All heavy atoms as atom14 arrays in JSON, in Angstrom:
{
  "sequence": "FMDMIGKANSIQFPYDQVLPPALGELHKDTTQEILGL",
  "atom14_mask": [
    [1, 1, 1, 1, 1, 1, 1, 1, 1, 1, 1, 0, 0, 0],
    [1, 1, 1, 1, 1, 1, 1, 1, 0, 0, 0, 0, 0, 0],
    [1, 1, 1, 1, 1, 1, 1, 1, 0, 0, 0, 0, 0, 0],
    [1, 1, 1, 1, 1, 1, 1, 1, 0, 0, 0, 0, 0, 0],
    [1, 1, 1, 1, 1, 1, 1, 1, 0, 0, 0, 0, 0, 0],
    [1, 1, 1, 1, 0, 0, 0, 0, 0, 0, 0, 0, 0, 0],
    [1, 1, 1, 1, 1, 1, 1, 1, 1, 0, 0, 0, 0, 0],
    [1, 1, 1, 1, 1, 0, 0, 0, 0, 0, 0, 0, 0, 0],
    [1, 1, 1, 1, 1, 1, 1, 1, 0, 0, 0, 0, 0, 0],
    [1, 1, 1, 1, 1, 1, 0, 0, 0, 0, 0, 0, 0, 0],
    [1, 1, 1, 1, 1, 1, 1, 1, 0, 0, 0, 0, 0, 0],
    [1, 1, 1, 1, 1, 1, 1, 1, 1, 0, 0, 0, 0, 0],
    [1, 1, 1, 1, 1, 1, 1, 1, 1, 1, 1, 0, 0, 0],
    [1, 1, 1, 1, 1, 1, 1, 0, 0, 0, 0, 0, 0, 0],
    [1, 1, 1, 1, 1, 1, 1, 1, 1, 1, 1, 1, 0, 0],
    [1, 1, 1, 1, 1, 1, 1, 1, 0, 0, 0, 0, 0, 0],
    [1, 1, 1, 1, 1, 1, 1, 1, 1, 0, 0, 0, 0, 0],
    [1, 1, 1, 1, 1, 1, 1, 0, 0, 0, 0, 0, 0, 0],
    [1, 1, 1, 1, 1, 1, 1, 1, 0, 0, 0, 0, 0, 0],
    [1, 1, 1, 1, 1, 1, 1, 0, 0, 0, 0, 0, 0, 0],
    [1, 1, 1, 1, 1, 1, 1, 0, 0, 0, 0, 0, 0, 0],
    [1, 1, 1, 1, 1, 0, 0, 0, 0, 0, 0, 0, 0, 0],
    [1, 1, 1, 1, 1, 1, 1, 1, 0, 0, 0, 0, 0, 0],
    [1, 1, 1, 1, 0, 0, 0, 0, 0, 0, 0, 0, 0, 0],
    [1, 1, 1, 1, 1, 1, 1, 1, 1, 0, 0, 0, 0, 0],
    [1, 1, 1, 1, 1, 1, 1, 1, 0, 0, 0, 0, 0, 0],
    [1, 1, 1, 1, 1, 1, 1, 1, 1, 1, 0, 0, 0, 0],
    [1, 1, 1, 1, 1, 1, 1, 1, 1, 0, 0, 0, 0, 0],
    [1, 1, 1, 1, 1, 1, 1, 1, 0, 0, 0, 0, 0, 0],
    [1, 1, 1, 1, 1, 1, 1, 0, 0, 0, 0, 0, 0, 0],
    [1, 1, 1, 1, 1, 1, 1, 0, 0, 0, 0, 0, 0, 0],
    [1, 1, 1, 1, 1, 1, 1, 1, 1, 0, 0, 0, 0, 0],
    [1, 1, 1, 1, 1, 1, 1, 1, 1, 0, 0, 0, 0, 0],
    [1, 1, 1, 1, 1, 1, 1, 1, 0, 0, 0, 0, 0, 0],
    [1, 1, 1, 1, 1, 1, 1, 1, 0, 0, 0, 0, 0, 0],
    [1, 1, 1, 1, 0, 0, 0, 0, 0, 0, 0, 0, 0, 0],
    [1, 1, 1, 1, 1, 1, 1, 1, 0, 0, 0, 0, 0, 0]
  ],
  "atom14_positions": [
    [[-1.47, 41.3, -45.06], [-0.22, 41.59, -44.34], [-0.48, 41.76, -42.84], [0.28, 41.25, -42.01], [0.44, 42.85, -44.89], [0.78, 42.78, -46.35], [0.72, 43.91, -47.16], [1.17, 41.58, -46.94], [1.05, 43.84, -48.5], [1.49, 41.51, -48.28], [1.43, 42.64, -49.07], [0.0, 0.0, 0.0], [0.0, 0.0, 0.0], [0.0, 0.0, 0.0]],
    [[-1.56, 42.46, -42.51], [-1.86, 42.68, -41.1], [-2.21, 41.37, -40.41], [-1.87, 41.16, -39.25], [-2.99, 43.7, -40.97], [-2.58, 45.11, -41.41], [-3.92, 46.32, -41.44], [-4.21, 46.57, -39.7], [0.0, 0.0, 0.0], [0.0, 0.0, 0.0], [0.0, 0.0, 0.0], [0.0, 0.0, 0.0], [0.0, 0.0, 0.0], [0.0, 0.0, 0.0]],
    [[-2.89, 40.47, -41.14], [-3.2, 39.15, -40.59], [-1.91, 38.36, -40.33], [-1.76, 37.7, -39.29], [-4.11, 38.37, -41.53], [-5.53, 38.92, -41.56], [-5.87, 39.71, -40.66], [-6.28, 38.56, -42.48], [0.0, 0.0, 0.0], [0.0, 0.0, 0.0], [0.0, 0.0, 0.0], [0.0, 0.0, 0.0], [0.0, 0.0, 0.0], [0.0, 0.0, 0.0]],
    [[-0.98, 38.41, -41.3], [0.3, 37.72, -41.13], [1.05, 38.26, -39.92], [1.59, 37.5, -39.1], [1.16, 37.9, -42.39], [0.72, 37.09, -43.58], [1.84, 37.39, -44.99], [1.25, 36.18, -46.17], [0.0, 0.0, 0.0], [0.0, 0.0, 0.0], [0.0, 0.0, 0.0], [0.0, 0.0, 0.0], [0.0, 0.0, 0.0], [0.0, 0.0, 0.0]],
    [[1.08, 39.6, -39.8], [1.79, 40.23, -38.68], [1.11, 39.85, -37.37], [1.77, 39.53, -36.37], [1.81, 41.75, -38.87], [2.72, 42.12, -40.07], [2.3, 42.46, -37.61], [2.59, 43.56, -40.52], [0.0, 0.0, 0.0], [0.0, 0.0, 0.0], [0.0, 0.0, 0.0], [0.0, 0.0, 0.0], [0.0, 0.0, 0.0], [0.0, 0.0, 0.0]],
    [[-0.22, 39.86, -37.37], [-0.96, 39.53, -36.16], [-0.76, 38.09, -35.7], [-0.77, 37.81, -34.49], [0.0, 0.0, 0.0], [0.0, 0.0, 0.0], [0.0, 0.0, 0.0], [0.0, 0.0, 0.0], [0.0, 0.0, 0.0], [0.0, 0.0, 0.0], [0.0, 0.0, 0.0], [0.0, 0.0, 0.0], [0.0, 0.0, 0.0], [0.0, 0.0, 0.0]],
    [[-0.61, 37.17, -36.65], [-0.46, 35.76, -36.33], [1.0, 35.35, -36.1], [1.26, 34.24, -35.63], [-1.03, 34.91, -37.46], [-2.54, 35.05, -37.65], [-3.01, 34.27, -38.87], [-4.5, 34.45, -39.11], [-4.95, 33.76, -40.34], [0.0, 0.0, 0.0], [0.0, 0.0, 0.0], [0.0, 0.0, 0.0], [0.0, 0.0, 0.0], [0.0, 0.0, 0.0]],
    [[1.92, 36.23, -36.42], [3.34, 35.87, -36.37], [3.8, 35.59, -34.94], [3.5, 36.34, -34.02], [4.19, 36.97, -36.98], [0.0, 0.0, 0.0], [0.0, 0.0, 0.0], [0.0, 0.0, 0.0], [0.0, 0.0, 0.0], [0.0, 0.0, 0.0], [0.0, 0.0, 0.0], [0.0, 0.0, 0.0], [0.0, 0.0, 0.0], [0.0, 0.0, 0.0]],
    [[4.53, 34.51, -34.8], [5.18, 34.2, -33.52], [6.26, 35.24, -33.21], [6.45, 35.63, -32.07], [5.79, 32.8, -33.59], [6.72, 32.5, -32.43], [6.29, 32.43, -31.3], [8.0, 32.34, -32.73], [0.0, 0.0, 0.0], [0.0, 0.0, 0.0], [0.0, 0.0, 0.0], [0.0, 0.0, 0.0], [0.0, 0.0, 0.0], [0.0, 0.0, 0.0]],
    [[6.95, 35.71, -34.25], [7.94, 36.77, -34.07], [8.13, 37.5, -35.4], [7.78, 36.98, -36.46], [9.29, 36.21, -33.6], [9.97, 35.57, -34.66], [0.0, 0.0, 0.0], [0.0, 0.0, 0.0], [0.0, 0.0, 0.0], [0.0, 0.0, 0.0], [0.0, 0.0, 0.0], [0.0, 0.0, 0.0], [0.0, 0.0, 0.0], [0.0, 0.0, 0.0]],
    [[8.67, 38.71, -35.31], [8.98, 39.51, -36.49], [10.48, 39.76, -36.51], [11.05, 40.24, -35.53], [8.22, 40.85, -36.49], [6.71, 40.61, -36.53], [8.65, 41.72, -37.66], [5.89, 41.88, -36.43], [0.0, 0.0, 0.0], [0.0, 0.0, 0.0], [0.0, 0.0, 0.0], [0.0, 0.0, 0.0], [0.0, 0.0, 0.0], [0.0, 0.0, 0.0]],
    [[11.11, 39.42, -37.64], [12.55, 39.65, -37.8], [12.76, 40.88, -38.68], [12.37, 40.88, -39.85], [13.22, 38.44, -38.45], [14.68, 38.66, -38.83], [15.55, 38.91, -37.63], [15.73, 38.03, -36.8], [16.11, 40.11, -37.53], [0.0, 0.0, 0.0], [0.0, 0.0, 0.0], [0.0, 0.0, 0.0], [0.0, 0.0, 0.0], [0.0, 0.0, 0.0]],
    [[13.36, 41.92, -38.11], [13.7, 43.08, -38.92], [14.98, 42.79, -39.7], [15.79, 41.95, -39.3], [13.87, 44.31, -38.03], [12.59, 44.8, -37.44], [12.28, 44.57, -36.1], [11.66, 45.46, -38.22], [11.09, 45.01, -35.56], [10.47, 45.91, -37.69], [10.17, 45.68, -36.35], [0.0, 0.0, 0.0], [0.0, 0.0, 0.0], [0.0, 0.0, 0.0]],
    [[15.18, 43.44, -40.85], [16.32, 43.12, -41.72], [17.66, 43.23, -40.99], [17.9, 44.18, -40.26], [16.22, 44.15, -42.84], [14.81, 44.62, -42.81], [14.37, 44.53, -41.39], [0.0, 0.0, 0.0], [0.0, 0.0, 0.0], [0.0, 0.0, 0.0], [0.0, 0.0, 0.0], [0.0, 0.0, 0.0], [0.0, 0.0, 0.0], [0.0, 0.0, 0.0]],
    [[18.51, 42.25, -41.24], [19.83, 42.24, -40.59], [20.59, 43.54, -40.87], [21.23, 44.09, -39.97], [20.67, 41.08, -41.11], [20.27, 39.69, -40.66], [19.07, 39.45, -40.0], [21.09, 38.6, -40.92], [18.71, 38.17, -39.61], [20.75, 37.32, -40.54], [19.55, 37.11, -39.88], [19.21, 35.83, -39.5], [0.0, 0.0, 0.0], [0.0, 0.0, 0.0]],
    [[20.54, 44.02, -42.11], [21.35, 45.17, -42.46], [20.82, 46.46, -41.84], [21.5, 47.48, -41.86], [21.46, 45.32, -43.98], [20.13, 45.61, -44.64], [19.16, 44.87, -44.39], [20.05, 46.58, -45.43], [0.0, 0.0, 0.0], [0.0, 0.0, 0.0], [0.0, 0.0, 0.0], [0.0, 0.0, 0.0], [0.0, 0.0, 0.0], [0.0, 0.0, 0.0]],
    [[19.61, 46.4, -41.26], [19.08, 47.57, -40.56], [19.21, 47.43, -39.05], [19.26, 48.42, -38.33], [17.62, 47.77, -40.95], [17.46, 48.16, -42.41], [16.02, 48.12, -42.89], [15.1, 48.11, -42.1], [15.82, 48.07, -44.2], [0.0, 0.0, 0.0], [0.0, 0.0, 0.0], [0.0, 0.0, 0.0], [0.0, 0.0, 0.0], [0.0, 0.0, 0.0]],
    [[19.28, 46.21, -38.55], [19.43, 45.98, -37.12], [20.91, 46.02, -36.72], [21.27, 46.61, -35.7], [18.81, 44.62, -36.72], [19.06, 44.33, -35.24], [17.32, 44.61, -37.01], [0.0, 0.0, 0.0], [0.0, 0.0, 0.0], [0.0, 0.0, 0.0], [0.0, 0.0, 0.0], [0.0, 0.0, 0.0], [0.0, 0.0, 0.0], [0.0, 0.0, 0.0]],
    [[21.76, 45.41, -37.52], [23.19, 45.32, -37.2], [23.9, 46.65, -37.42], [23.42, 47.5, -38.19], [23.84, 44.25, -38.08], [23.36, 42.81, -37.88], [23.95, 41.91, -38.97], [23.74, 42.29, -36.49], [0.0, 0.0, 0.0], [0.0, 0.0, 0.0], [0.0, 0.0, 0.0], [0.0, 0.0, 0.0], [0.0, 0.0, 0.0], [0.0, 0.0, 0.0]],
    [[25.04, 46.86, -36.77], [25.87, 48.03, -37.09], [26.16, 48.05, -38.6], [26.3, 46.99, -39.22], [27.14, 47.8, -36.28], [26.73, 46.91, -35.16], [25.65, 46.03, -35.72], [0.0, 0.0, 0.0], [0.0, 0.0, 0.0], [0.0, 0.0, 0.0], [0.0, 0.0, 0.0], [0.0, 0.0, 0.0], [0.0, 0.0, 0.0], [0.0, 0.0, 0.0]],
    [[26.24, 49.22, -39.21], [26.37, 49.3, -40.67], [27.46, 48.43, -41.28], [27.24, 47.8, -42.31], [26.63, 50.79, -40.91], [25.89, 51.45, -39.81], [26.08, 50.56, -38.61], [0.0, 0.0, 0.0], [0.0, 0.0, 0.0], [0.0, 0.0, 0.0], [0.0, 0.0, 0.0], [0.0, 0.0, 0.0], [0.0, 0.0, 0.0], [0.0, 0.0, 0.0]],
    [[28.66, 48.4, -40.69], [29.74, 47.62, -41.28], [29.39, 46.14, -41.31], [29.64, 45.44, -42.3], [31.04, 47.83, -40.52], [0.0, 0.0, 0.0], [0.0, 0.0, 0.0], [0.0, 0.0, 0.0], [0.0, 0.0, 0.0], [0.0, 0.0, 0.0], [0.0, 0.0, 0.0], [0.0, 0.0, 0.0], [0.0, 0.0, 0.0], [0.0, 0.0, 0.0]],
    [[28.77, 45.64, -40.25], [28.38, 44.24, -40.2], [27.17, 43.98, -41.09], [27.08, 42.94, -41.75], [28.07, 43.84, -38.75], [27.79, 42.36, -38.47], [28.95, 41.48, -38.94], [27.53, 42.15, -36.98], [0.0, 0.0, 0.0], [0.0, 0.0, 0.0], [0.0, 0.0, 0.0], [0.0, 0.0, 0.0], [0.0, 0.0, 0.0], [0.0, 0.0, 0.0]],
    [[26.25, 44.94, -41.15], [25.1, 44.8, -42.04], [25.51, 44.76, -43.5], [24.97, 44.0, -44.3], [0.0, 0.0, 0.0], [0.0, 0.0, 0.0], [0.0, 0.0, 0.0], [0.0, 0.0, 0.0], [0.0, 0.0, 0.0], [0.0, 0.0, 0.0], [0.0, 0.0, 0.0], [0.0, 0.0, 0.0], [0.0, 0.0, 0.0], [0.0, 0.0, 0.0]],
    [[26.49, 45.59, -43.87], [26.98, 45.58, -45.25], [27.69, 44.26, -45.56], [27.54, 43.72, -46.66], [27.93, 46.75, -45.47], [27.24, 48.1, -45.59], [26.24, 48.15, -46.73], [26.6, 47.75, -47.87], [25.09, 48.57, -46.49], [0.0, 0.0, 0.0], [0.0, 0.0, 0.0], [0.0, 0.0, 0.0], [0.0, 0.0, 0.0], [0.0, 0.0, 0.0]],
    [[28.44, 43.75, -44.59], [29.11, 42.47, -44.81], [28.09, 41.35, -45.01], [28.29, 40.46, -45.84], [30.04, 42.14, -43.64], [30.84, 40.84, -43.78], [31.81, 40.92, -44.96], [31.61, 40.53, -42.48], [0.0, 0.0, 0.0], [0.0, 0.0, 0.0], [0.0, 0.0, 0.0], [0.0, 0.0, 0.0], [0.0, 0.0, 0.0], [0.0, 0.0, 0.0]],
    [[27.02, 41.39, -44.25], [25.93, 40.42, -44.41], [25.42, 40.44, -45.85], [25.25, 39.39, -46.48], [24.81, 40.74, -43.42], [23.46, 40.29, -43.82], [23.1, 38.95, -43.91], [22.35, 40.99, -44.17], [21.83, 38.86, -44.29], [21.37, 40.08, -44.45], [0.0, 0.0, 0.0], [0.0, 0.0, 0.0], [0.0, 0.0, 0.0], [0.0, 0.0, 0.0]],
    [[25.18, 41.63, -46.39], [24.69, 41.72, -47.77], [25.76, 41.28, -48.77], [25.46, 40.59, -49.75], [24.22, 43.15, -48.06], [22.98, 43.56, -47.31], [22.42, 44.89, -47.79], [23.36, 46.03, -47.54], [22.79, 47.34, -47.95], [0.0, 0.0, 0.0], [0.0, 0.0, 0.0], [0.0, 0.0, 0.0], [0.0, 0.0, 0.0], [0.0, 0.0, 0.0]],
    [[27.0, 41.71, -48.53], [28.09, 41.35, -49.44], [28.29, 39.84, -49.51], [28.4, 39.26, -50.6], [29.4, 42.0, -48.98], [29.42, 43.5, -49.19], [28.57, 44.02, -49.95], [30.26, 44.17, -48.55], [0.0, 0.0, 0.0], [0.0, 0.0, 0.0], [0.0, 0.0, 0.0], [0.0, 0.0, 0.0], [0.0, 0.0, 0.0], [0.0, 0.0, 0.0]],
    [[28.35, 39.21, -48.34], [28.61, 37.77, -48.33], [27.44, 36.98, -48.89], [27.64, 35.98, -49.58], [28.94, 37.28, -46.9], [27.91, 37.69, -45.99], [30.28, 37.84, -46.43], [0.0, 0.0, 0.0], [0.0, 0.0, 0.0], [0.0, 0.0, 0.0], [0.0, 0.0, 0.0], [0.0, 0.0, 0.0], [0.0, 0.0, 0.0], [0.0, 0.0, 0.0]],
    [[26.22, 37.45, -48.64], [25.06, 36.74, -49.2], [25.04, 36.87, -50.71], [24.72, 35.91, -51.43], [23.75, 37.29, -48.6], [23.8, 37.22, -47.18], [22.57, 36.46, -49.08], [0.0, 0.0, 0.0], [0.0, 0.0, 0.0], [0.0, 0.0, 0.0], [0.0, 0.0, 0.0], [0.0, 0.0, 0.0], [0.0, 0.0, 0.0], [0.0, 0.0, 0.0]],
    [[25.42, 38.05, -51.23], [25.5, 38.19, -52.68], [26.56, 37.26, -53.27], [26.37, 36.67, -54.34], [25.8, 39.64, -53.06], [25.7, 39.89, -54.56], [26.06, 41.32, -54.94], [27.15, 41.78, -54.61], [25.16, 42.0, -55.64], [0.0, 0.0, 0.0], [0.0, 0.0, 0.0], [0.0, 0.0, 0.0], [0.0, 0.0, 0.0], [0.0, 0.0, 0.0]],
    [[27.67, 37.11, -52.56], [28.72, 36.19, -53.02], [28.25, 34.74, -52.97], [28.57, 33.94, -53.85], [29.97, 36.38, -52.16], [30.6, 37.75, -52.28], [31.99, 37.68, -52.9], [32.25, 36.78, -53.71], [32.81, 38.54, -52.54], [0.0, 0.0, 0.0], [0.0, 0.0, 0.0], [0.0, 0.0, 0.0], [0.0, 0.0, 0.0], [0.0, 0.0, 0.0]],
    [[27.5, 34.39, -51.94], [26.92, 33.05, -51.87], [26.03, 32.82, -53.08], [26.11, 31.78, -53.76], [26.13, 32.86, -50.56], [27.07, 32.74, -49.38], [25.25, 31.61, -50.64], [26.36, 32.76, -48.02], [0.0, 0.0, 0.0], [0.0, 0.0, 0.0], [0.0, 0.0, 0.0], [0.0, 0.0, 0.0], [0.0, 0.0, 0.0], [0.0, 0.0, 0.0]],
    [[25.19, 33.79, -53.38], [24.29, 33.68, -54.54], [25.08, 33.61, -55.84], [24.66, 32.93, -56.79], [23.33, 34.87, -54.57], [22.11, 34.75, -53.64], [21.56, 36.13, -53.29], [21.03, 33.91, -54.32], [0.0, 0.0, 0.0], [0.0, 0.0, 0.0], [0.0, 0.0, 0.0], [0.0, 0.0, 0.0], [0.0, 0.0, 0.0], [0.0, 0.0, 0.0]],
    [[26.21, 34.29, -55.89], [27.03, 34.27, -57.1], [27.94, 33.06, -57.2], [28.7, 32.94, -58.16], [0.0, 0.0, 0.0], [0.0, 0.0, 0.0], [0.0, 0.0, 0.0], [0.0, 0.0, 0.0], [0.0, 0.0, 0.0], [0.0, 0.0, 0.0], [0.0, 0.0, 0.0], [0.0, 0.0, 0.0], [0.0, 0.0, 0.0], [0.0, 0.0, 0.0]],
    [[27.88, 32.2, -56.19], [28.72, 30.99, -56.12], [30.2, 31.31, -56.1], [31.04, 30.52, -56.53], [28.4, 30.04, -57.29], [26.93, 29.63, -57.47], [26.79, 28.69, -58.68], [26.4, 28.97, -56.2], [0.0, 0.0, 0.0], [0.0, 0.0, 0.0], [0.0, 0.0, 0.0], [0.0, 0.0, 0.0], [0.0, 0.0, 0.0], [0.0, 0.0, 0.0]]
  ]
}
């Protein structure tokens, strides 16, 4: 893991933790709906 982190061009933190809660929850909700077709 440390090697991956060290070699990474960038690190993306989870959308639902970076975005404001309402938008982060919508991100999770809509992705679950996409997965559920």
